[in-house]
């Protein structure tokens, strides 16, 4: 007992702080940590053994004809690496459409040269007179209109698929009752703290989208998602958001998706890796773009971001409760010459809670990272990035106030 504290306060702290920490932990589990295991729930065990790989062509899987749309702008060098890999995909029926936003480099010459020996490769270009709508959305729309296949897959020029089975795996989800297929994409890992934070943030966004897709999808990663061409054209695609330079997948899917019409493919060989921007300012712009996109999404979509905010503050409630209990117990031991066994159950509970807060998300995310082809995150990295997420978001919102008009096409 602490001499300068009333007995009621001492008793309250002993019981209430562990209970408060347990409640906060349950909230974090319910609203965030369950998403960390979603990669395992959507995981298809295809292509895990050489025997399965060799028999893939004989499996009775839906694999309709697919058009790969590659939007680009002055990216001739990335296209030199990407296009040969796409031409080697083992999908039985596909075509490639390079949708140029208005390049001034050798993009057109490169595509024309490759198309002479590869008739599946075609080229379309945004007219120079298009000035008042977003050119990337217009390039995708032109690519969709030029497509001859019932399904379109988006893959920007600065992205690389995991291997030759990428398109085949995405195609396995293109069933008759599906309008959208979500794949996993993230930044290329250069093993720096700068890239690890960006990769973790994008991983969490994708897992949030995967959870929503189990009911009604609100978005996907622009670097690896597919949609039914007729559905896109019938609902006028980007017509509702052509003036916004953002939400290239999120606004489209949130506007057009219906309950139960979206499938998710999580497999290391179905993942896509995007070149990490060299400038941190580019990543800052990307984060601001996502923040602005959140304000344009439907109410049901914004609910997922509210859940993330609640989970973030529940994490802090947990940490403060544990720290308060440790401070209280340390002070109590100092003023009490003997250790009371009546406090042992509560000390054990707090110890288990403390260990669990590090171990549970690490265990859940470890398997998911393996399935997606990501390098694993340490328990300390997950703890640090999750804990300081609300403060980074708050700082980002302050920056957003100065740049809120930058994402509207004028």
Protein backbone atom coordinates (compact mmCIF):
# COMPACT_ATOMS: atom_id res chain seq x y z
CA UNK A 1 0.00 0.00 0.00
CA UNK A 2 1.19 3.52 -0.79
CA UNK A 3 1.03 5.72 2.35
CA UNK A 4 0.09 8.98 0.64
CA UNK A 5 -2.78 7.41 -1.36
CA UNK A 6 -6.21 6.52 0.05
CA UNK A 7 -6.96 2.77 0.18
CA UNK A 8 -9.82 3.26 -2.28
CA UNK A 9 -7.44 4.67 -4.88
CA UNK A 10 -5.00 1.81 -4.31
CA UNK A 11 -7.72 -0.80 -4.72
CA UNK A 12 -9.14 0.95 -7.78
CA UNK A 13 -5.76 1.07 -9.52
CA UNK A 14 -5.10 -2.62 -8.84
CA UNK A 15 -8.34 -3.75 -10.44
CA UNK A 16 -9.20 -1.05 -12.96
CA UNK A 17 -5.90 -0.60 -14.83
CA UNK A 18 -5.53 -4.28 -15.92
CA UNK A 19 -9.22 -4.33 -16.85
CA UNK A 20 -8.82 -1.15 -18.90
CA UNK A 21 -5.75 -2.56 -20.65
CA UNK A 22 -7.61 -5.80 -21.44
CA UNK A 23 -10.55 -3.88 -22.88
CA UNK A 24 -8.24 -1.76 -25.05
CA UNK A 25 -6.46 -4.88 -26.27
CA UNK A 26 -9.77 -6.48 -27.28
CA UNK A 27 -10.72 -3.33 -29.21
CA UNK A 28 -7.41 -3.35 -31.10
CA UNK A 29 -7.89 -7.04 -31.88
CA UNK A 30 -11.43 -6.53 -33.10
CA UNK A 31 -10.75 -3.47 -35.27
CA UNK A 32 -7.21 -4.00 -36.53
CA UNK A 33 -5.35 -7.19 -35.73
CA UNK A 34 -7.94 -9.46 -37.33
CA UNK A 35 -7.07 -7.81 -40.65
CA UNK A 36 -3.47 -8.99 -40.27
CA UNK A 37 -4.59 -12.58 -40.84
CA UNK A 38 -6.73 -11.84 -43.90
CA UNK A 39 -4.00 -12.87 -46.33
CA UNK A 40 -4.33 -16.39 -44.96
CA UNK A 41 -8.13 -16.46 -45.29
CA UNK A 42 -8.02 -15.45 -48.95
CA UNK A 43 -4.93 -17.55 -49.72
CA UNK A 44 -5.22 -20.03 -52.57
CA UNK A 45 -2.63 -22.83 -52.28
CA UNK A 46 -2.00 -22.83 -56.03
CA UNK A 47 1.58 -22.85 -57.30
CA UNK A 48 3.07 -24.00 -54.03
CA UNK A 49 4.72 -27.15 -55.35
CA UNK A 50 6.36 -28.08 -58.67
CA UNK A 51 3.67 -30.74 -59.23
CA UNK A 52 0.90 -28.17 -58.92
CA UNK A 53 2.75 -25.74 -61.18
CA UNK A 54 3.18 -28.36 -63.91
CA UNK A 55 -0.50 -29.30 -63.82
CA UNK A 56 -1.87 -25.76 -63.64
CA UNK A 57 -2.82 -25.68 -67.32
CA UNK A 58 -5.07 -28.73 -66.82
CA UNK A 59 -6.94 -27.37 -63.82
CA UNK A 60 -10.62 -26.46 -64.44
CA UNK A 61 -10.19 -22.82 -63.49
CA UNK A 62 -11.96 -19.78 -64.98
CA UNK A 63 -9.44 -17.99 -67.16
CA UNK A 64 -11.23 -15.67 -69.58
CA UNK A 65 -9.40 -13.55 -72.09
CA UNK A 66 -7.71 -10.58 -70.40
CA UNK A 67 -6.44 -7.20 -71.57
CA UNK A 68 -3.50 -5.82 -69.59
CA UNK A 69 -3.66 -2.01 -69.61
CA UNK A 70 -0.30 -0.36 -68.92
CA UNK A 71 -0.67 3.40 -68.27
CA UNK A 72 2.59 5.30 -68.64
CA UNK A 73 4.19 8.73 -69.06
CA UNK A 74 7.80 9.11 -70.21
CA UNK A 75 8.63 5.61 -68.94
CA UNK A 76 10.37 4.00 -71.89
CA UNK A 77 13.07 2.46 -69.71
CA UNK A 78 10.66 0.75 -67.25
CA UNK A 79 8.66 -0.49 -70.25
CA UNK A 80 11.78 -2.15 -71.70
CA UNK A 81 11.86 -4.31 -68.59
CA UNK A 82 8.12 -4.78 -68.08
CA UNK A 83 6.80 -5.60 -71.56
CA UNK A 84 9.02 -8.69 -72.18
CA UNK A 85 7.89 -10.06 -68.79
CA UNK A 86 4.25 -9.52 -69.69
CA UNK A 87 4.69 -11.20 -73.06
CA UNK A 88 5.99 -14.28 -71.21
CA UNK A 89 2.90 -14.68 -69.00
CA UNK A 90 1.50 -18.22 -69.14
CA UNK A 91 -2.12 -17.07 -69.42
CA UNK A 92 -3.65 -18.73 -72.52
CA UNK A 93 -5.40 -15.63 -73.92
CA UNK A 94 -4.34 -12.07 -73.28
CA UNK A 95 -3.34 -8.81 -74.93
CA UNK A 96 -1.30 -5.81 -73.76
CA UNK A 97 -2.43 -2.23 -74.32
CA UNK A 98 0.05 0.53 -73.52
CA UNK A 99 -2.03 3.61 -72.59
CA UNK A 100 0.25 6.63 -73.03
CA UNK A 101 -0.68 9.81 -71.15
CA UNK A 102 1.39 11.94 -73.53
CA UNK A 103 5.02 10.80 -73.39
CA UNK A 104 7.78 12.83 -75.04
CA UNK A 105 10.43 10.08 -74.83
CA UNK A 106 10.79 6.89 -76.92
CA UNK A 107 7.71 5.15 -75.52
CA UNK A 108 5.79 5.12 -78.81
CA UNK A 109 8.83 3.95 -80.81
CA UNK A 110 9.52 1.15 -78.31
CA UNK A 111 5.95 -0.17 -78.36
CA UNK A 112 5.78 0.04 -82.17
CA UNK A 113 9.03 -1.93 -82.46
CA UNK A 114 7.87 -4.69 -80.09
CA UNK A 115 4.41 -4.89 -81.63
CA UNK A 116 5.90 -5.90 -85.01
CA UNK A 117 6.83 -9.29 -83.59
CA UNK A 118 4.10 -9.45 -80.91
CA UNK A 119 0.60 -8.82 -82.30
CA UNK A 120 -0.85 -9.02 -78.77
CA UNK A 121 0.83 -5.70 -77.96
CA UNK A 122 -1.04 -2.52 -78.89
CA UNK A 123 -0.73 1.21 -78.23
CA UNK A 124 -3.14 4.07 -77.47
CA UNK A 125 -2.41 7.67 -76.58
CA UNK A 126 -4.27 10.49 -74.83
CA UNK A 127 -4.88 13.45 -77.20
CA UNK A 128 -2.86 16.56 -76.42
CA UNK A 129 -6.08 18.60 -76.46
CA UNK A 130 -7.31 16.89 -73.26
CA UNK A 131 -6.54 19.49 -70.59
CA UNK A 132 -9.44 19.65 -68.15
CA UNK A 133 -9.71 16.04 -67.00
CA UNK A 134 -7.24 13.74 -65.30
CA UNK A 135 -4.98 12.27 -67.99
CA UNK A 136 -4.30 9.02 -66.14
CA UNK A 137 -8.01 8.23 -65.79
CA UNK A 138 -8.52 9.20 -69.43
CA UNK A 139 -5.62 6.94 -70.49
CA UNK A 140 -7.16 3.99 -68.63
CA UNK A 141 -10.56 4.74 -70.16
CA UNK A 142 -9.08 4.82 -73.66
CA UNK A 143 -7.31 1.55 -72.93
CA UNK A 144 -10.57 -0.05 -71.78
CA UNK A 145 -12.38 1.13 -74.90
CA UNK A 146 -9.59 -0.27 -77.08
CA UNK A 147 -9.62 -3.62 -75.26
CA UNK A 148 -10.99 -6.70 -77.03
CA UNK A 149 -11.24 -8.86 -73.91
CA UNK A 150 -14.06 -9.13 -71.36
CA UNK A 151 -11.63 -8.44 -68.50
CA UNK A 152 -9.10 -5.62 -68.01
CA UNK A 153 -6.15 -5.68 -65.62
CA UNK A 154 -4.33 -2.48 -64.62
CA UNK A 155 -0.54 -2.59 -64.31
CA UNK A 156 1.37 0.74 -64.39
CA UNK A 157 4.69 0.88 -66.22
CA UNK A 158 6.79 1.19 -63.04
CA UNK A 159 5.49 -2.14 -61.66
CA UNK A 160 6.84 -5.66 -62.01
CA UNK A 161 4.74 -8.83 -61.49
CA UNK A 162 6.19 -11.56 -59.28
CA UNK A 163 6.53 -14.04 -62.12
CA UNK A 164 5.07 -15.64 -65.20
CA UNK A 165 2.03 -16.98 -63.31
CA UNK A 166 0.79 -13.56 -62.17
CA UNK A 167 -1.87 -13.08 -64.82
CA UNK A 168 -3.04 -16.69 -64.62
CA UNK A 169 -3.65 -16.38 -60.89
CA UNK A 170 -5.53 -13.10 -61.25
CA UNK A 171 -7.60 -14.76 -63.96
CA UNK A 172 -8.66 -17.59 -61.63
CA UNK A 173 -10.93 -15.14 -59.78
CA UNK A 174 -12.60 -13.77 -62.94
CA UNK A 175 -15.85 -15.71 -62.53
CA UNK A 176 -19.28 -14.97 -63.99
CA UNK A 177 -20.62 -13.42 -60.77
CA UNK A 178 -17.57 -11.16 -60.25
CA UNK A 179 -17.01 -7.60 -61.45
CA UNK A 180 -13.76 -6.73 -59.64
CA UNK A 181 -10.66 -8.71 -58.65
CA UNK A 182 -8.19 -7.31 -56.13
CA UNK A 183 -4.54 -8.36 -56.10
CA UNK A 184 -1.73 -7.35 -53.78
CA UNK A 185 0.79 -4.66 -54.70
CA UNK A 186 3.40 -2.77 -52.72
CA UNK A 187 6.63 -0.81 -53.00
CA UNK A 188 9.90 -2.52 -53.82
CA UNK A 189 11.82 -3.05 -50.59
CA UNK A 190 15.25 -1.39 -50.51
CA UNK A 191 15.72 -2.33 -46.82
CA UNK A 192 15.72 1.26 -45.55
CA UNK A 193 13.56 2.62 -42.72
CA UNK A 194 12.04 4.97 -45.28
CA UNK A 195 10.81 2.09 -47.43
CA UNK A 196 9.74 -0.13 -44.53
CA UNK A 197 7.34 2.49 -43.23
CA UNK A 198 5.87 3.10 -46.70
CA UNK A 199 5.51 -0.65 -47.31
CA UNK A 200 3.83 -1.22 -43.96
CA UNK A 201 1.33 1.59 -44.53
CA UNK A 202 0.44 0.25 -47.97
CA UNK A 203 0.17 -3.30 -46.61
CA UNK A 204 -2.33 -2.14 -43.99
CA UNK A 205 -4.36 -0.25 -46.60
CA UNK A 206 -4.56 -3.35 -48.76
CA UNK A 207 -5.60 -5.57 -45.86
CA UNK A 208 -8.34 -3.06 -45.01
CA UNK A 209 -9.56 -3.23 -48.62
CA UNK A 210 -9.48 -7.03 -48.51
CA UNK A 211 -11.70 -7.02 -45.42
CA UNK A 212 -14.21 -4.70 -47.08
CA UNK A 213 -14.26 -6.96 -50.17
CA UNK A 214 -15.79 -9.74 -48.09
CA UNK A 215 -18.98 -7.65 -48.11
CA UNK A 216 -18.91 -4.62 -50.41
CA UNK A 217 -15.52 -3.44 -51.68
CA UNK A 218 -14.63 0.23 -51.45
CA UNK A 219 -11.23 0.19 -53.15
CA UNK A 220 -8.16 -1.61 -54.38
CA UNK A 221 -4.54 -1.04 -55.27
CA UNK A 222 -4.26 0.66 -58.66
CA UNK A 223 -1.15 -1.38 -59.46
CA UNK A 224 -2.90 -4.75 -59.40
CA UNK A 225 -6.64 -4.94 -59.88
CA UNK A 226 -8.96 -6.22 -62.57
CA UNK A 227 -12.50 -5.37 -63.63
CA UNK A 228 -15.11 -6.50 -66.10
CA UNK A 229 -14.94 -4.31 -69.22
CA UNK A 230 -18.68 -4.27 -69.90
CA UNK A 231 -19.39 -3.28 -66.30
CA UNK A 232 -16.92 -0.38 -66.52
CA UNK A 233 -18.41 0.92 -69.78
CA UNK A 234 -22.04 0.43 -68.76
CA UNK A 235 -21.50 2.54 -65.63
CA UNK A 236 -19.33 5.14 -67.42
CA UNK A 237 -16.20 4.23 -65.47
CA UNK A 238 -14.46 7.33 -64.10
CA UNK A 239 -17.23 9.74 -65.15
CA UNK A 240 -17.97 10.70 -61.53
CA UNK A 241 -14.35 11.52 -60.65
CA UNK A 242 -12.58 12.67 -63.82
CA UNK A 243 -11.75 16.04 -62.27
CA UNK A 244 -9.91 14.50 -59.32
CA UNK A 245 -6.26 13.52 -59.70
CA UNK A 246 -6.56 10.67 -57.21
CA UNK A 247 -8.55 7.58 -56.30
CA UNK A 248 -7.67 5.73 -59.50
CA UNK A 249 -8.85 2.44 -58.01
CA UNK A 250 -10.59 3.44 -54.77
CA UNK A 251 -13.10 5.91 -56.22
CA UNK A 252 -13.84 3.63 -59.17
CA UNK A 253 -14.49 0.54 -57.07
CA UNK A 254 -16.34 2.44 -54.35
CA UNK A 255 -18.66 3.87 -56.99
CA UNK A 256 -19.23 0.75 -59.08
CA UNK A 257 -18.80 -2.27 -56.79
CA UNK A 258 -21.81 -4.11 -55.45
CA UNK A 259 -22.17 -6.44 -52.50
CA UNK A 260 -20.41 -9.76 -53.10
CA UNK A 261 -19.11 -8.95 -56.61
CA UNK A 262 -15.42 -8.54 -55.65
CA UNK A 263 -12.85 -11.32 -55.21
CA UNK A 264 -9.39 -11.18 -53.68
CA UNK A 265 -6.30 -13.08 -54.82
CA UNK A 266 -3.48 -13.38 -52.28
CA UNK A 267 -0.51 -15.40 -53.44
CA UNK A 268 3.18 -14.57 -53.57
CA UNK A 269 3.20 -15.26 -57.32
CA UNK A 270 0.18 -13.00 -57.89
CA UNK A 271 1.76 -9.96 -56.20
CA UNK A 272 3.13 -6.89 -57.95
CA UNK A 273 6.05 -4.69 -56.89
CA UNK A 274 6.26 -0.99 -57.70
CA UNK A 275 9.46 1.04 -57.89
CA UNK A 276 9.91 3.05 -54.71
CA UNK A 277 10.07 6.82 -55.40
CA UNK A 278 13.53 8.21 -54.81
CA UNK A 279 12.17 11.44 -53.33
CA UNK A 280 10.42 11.39 -49.97
CA UNK A 281 8.26 14.26 -51.20
CA UNK A 282 6.70 11.88 -53.73
CA UNK A 283 5.63 9.53 -50.96
CA UNK A 284 4.30 12.50 -49.00
CA UNK A 285 2.18 13.46 -52.01
CA UNK A 286 0.96 9.87 -52.24
CA UNK A 287 -0.09 9.93 -48.57
CA UNK A 288 -1.87 13.26 -49.04
CA UNK A 289 -3.64 11.81 -52.07
CA UNK A 290 -4.94 8.89 -50.02
CA UNK A 291 -6.06 11.29 -47.28
CA UNK A 292 -8.02 13.34 -49.79
CA UNK A 293 -9.48 10.17 -51.30
CA UNK A 294 -10.88 9.19 -47.91
CA UNK A 295 -13.03 12.33 -47.87
CA UNK A 296 -14.57 11.42 -51.24
CA UNK A 297 -15.48 7.83 -50.42
CA UNK A 298 -18.95 6.65 -49.41
CA UNK A 299 -20.04 6.60 -45.79
CA UNK A 300 -19.75 2.81 -45.61
CA UNK A 301 -16.15 3.06 -46.85
CA UNK A 302 -15.20 5.79 -44.38
CA UNK A 303 -16.37 3.54 -41.58
CA UNK A 304 -13.27 1.40 -42.08
CA UNK A 305 -11.02 4.42 -41.53
CA UNK A 306 -12.95 5.39 -38.42
CA UNK A 307 -12.29 1.90 -37.12
CA UNK A 308 -8.58 2.41 -37.73
CA UNK A 309 -8.66 5.66 -35.76
CA UNK A 310 -10.43 3.99 -32.85
CA UNK A 311 -7.90 1.15 -32.92
CA UNK A 312 -5.01 3.63 -32.85
CA UNK A 313 -6.32 5.45 -29.79
CA UNK A 314 -7.20 2.15 -28.13
CA UNK A 315 -3.53 1.21 -28.53
CA UNK A 316 -2.55 4.34 -26.65
CA UNK A 317 -5.14 3.66 -23.96
CA UNK A 318 -3.58 0.22 -23.55
CA UNK A 319 -0.03 1.60 -23.31
CA UNK A 320 -0.97 4.31 -20.81
CA UNK A 321 -2.88 1.80 -18.68
CA UNK A 322 0.08 -0.58 -18.59
CA UNK A 323 2.54 2.22 -17.81
CA UNK A 324 0.28 3.54 -15.04
CA UNK A 325 0.00 0.07 -13.52
CA UNK A 326 3.76 -0.47 -13.66
CA UNK A 327 4.37 2.95 -12.05
CA UNK A 328 1.78 2.21 -9.37
CA UNK A 329 3.18 -1.23 -8.59
CA UNK A 330 6.77 0.03 -8.52
CA UNK A 331 5.86 2.76 -6.08
CA UNK A 332 3.89 0.31 -3.96
CA UNK A 333 6.84 -2.11 -3.75
CA UNK A 334 9.14 0.73 -2.71
CA UNK A 335 6.90 1.69 0.21
CA UNK A 336 5.99 -1.89 1.15
CA UNK A 337 8.79 -4.06 2.61
CA UNK A 338 7.10 -7.33 1.58
CA UNK A 339 5.45 -8.55 -1.62
CA UNK A 340 1.76 -9.39 -1.18
CA UNK A 341 0.72 -12.52 -3.01
CA UNK A 342 -2.74 -11.04 -3.51
CA UNK A 343 -1.21 -8.81 -6.20
CA UNK A 344 0.37 -11.75 -8.06
CA UNK A 345 -2.65 -12.54 -10.33
CA UNK A 346 -2.86 -8.92 -11.48
CA UNK A 347 0.89 -8.72 -12.08
CA UNK A 348 0.73 -11.89 -14.17
CA UNK A 349 -2.21 -10.54 -16.17
CA UNK A 350 -0.35 -7.32 -16.94
CA UNK A 351 2.77 -9.28 -17.90
CA UNK A 352 0.77 -11.46 -20.30
CA UNK A 353 -0.93 -8.38 -21.77
CA UNK A 354 2.43 -6.72 -22.26
CA UNK A 355 3.90 -9.71 -24.08
CA UNK A 356 0.72 -10.27 -26.08
CA UNK A 357 0.70 -6.73 -27.46
CA UNK A 358 4.06 -7.44 -29.13
CA UNK A 359 3.59 -11.08 -30.09
CA UNK A 360 0.00 -11.30 -31.37
CA UNK A 361 0.28 -8.87 -34.34
CA UNK A 362 3.71 -10.26 -35.21
CA UNK A 363 2.42 -13.84 -35.38
CA UNK A 364 -0.67 -12.86 -37.38
CA UNK A 365 1.24 -10.72 -39.87
CA UNK A 366 4.19 -13.09 -40.26
CA UNK A 367 2.23 -15.74 -42.15
CA UNK A 368 0.38 -13.14 -44.23
CA UNK A 369 3.67 -11.52 -45.31
CA UNK A 370 4.96 -14.92 -46.41
CA UNK A 371 1.82 -15.57 -48.47
CA UNK A 372 2.01 -12.16 -50.13
CA UNK A 373 5.74 -12.41 -50.80
CA UNK A 374 6.65 -9.60 -48.39
CA UNK A 375 9.64 -9.50 -46.10
CA UNK A 376 8.50 -9.95 -42.52
CA UNK A 377 8.24 -7.10 -40.05
CA UNK A 378 9.74 -7.38 -36.59
CA UNK A 379 7.50 -7.15 -33.52
CA UNK A 380 9.17 -3.86 -32.55
CA UNK A 381 8.60 -2.36 -36.03
CA UNK A 382 4.91 -3.26 -35.95
CA UNK A 383 4.55 -1.86 -32.43
CA UNK A 384 6.36 1.38 -33.28
CA UNK A 385 4.55 2.05 -36.56
CA UNK A 386 1.12 1.22 -35.13
CA UNK A 387 1.63 3.29 -31.99
CA UNK A 388 2.75 6.48 -33.71
CA UNK A 389 0.31 6.18 -36.61
CA UNK A 390 -2.26 8.68 -35.19
CA UNK A 391 0.41 11.36 -34.71
CA UNK A 392 1.68 10.92 -38.27
CA UNK A 393 -1.89 11.12 -39.52
CA UNK A 394 -2.46 14.32 -37.53
CA UNK A 395 0.69 15.87 -39.02
CA UNK A 396 -0.43 14.77 -42.46
CA UNK A 397 -3.80 16.45 -41.95
CA UNK A 398 -2.08 19.72 -41.11
CA UNK A 399 -0.10 19.50 -44.35
CA UNK A 400 -3.26 18.59 -46.20
CA UNK A 401 -4.82 21.93 -45.28
CA UNK A 402 -2.21 23.64 -47.46
CA UNK A 403 -2.47 21.18 -50.36
CA UNK A 404 -6.19 20.33 -50.35
CA UNK A 405 -6.76 22.05 -53.73
CA UNK A 406 -3.81 20.36 -55.48
CA UNK A 407 -5.75 17.22 -56.35
CA UNK A 408 -8.46 18.85 -58.46
CA UNK A 409 -7.89 19.17 -62.19
CA UNK A 410 -8.35 22.81 -63.31
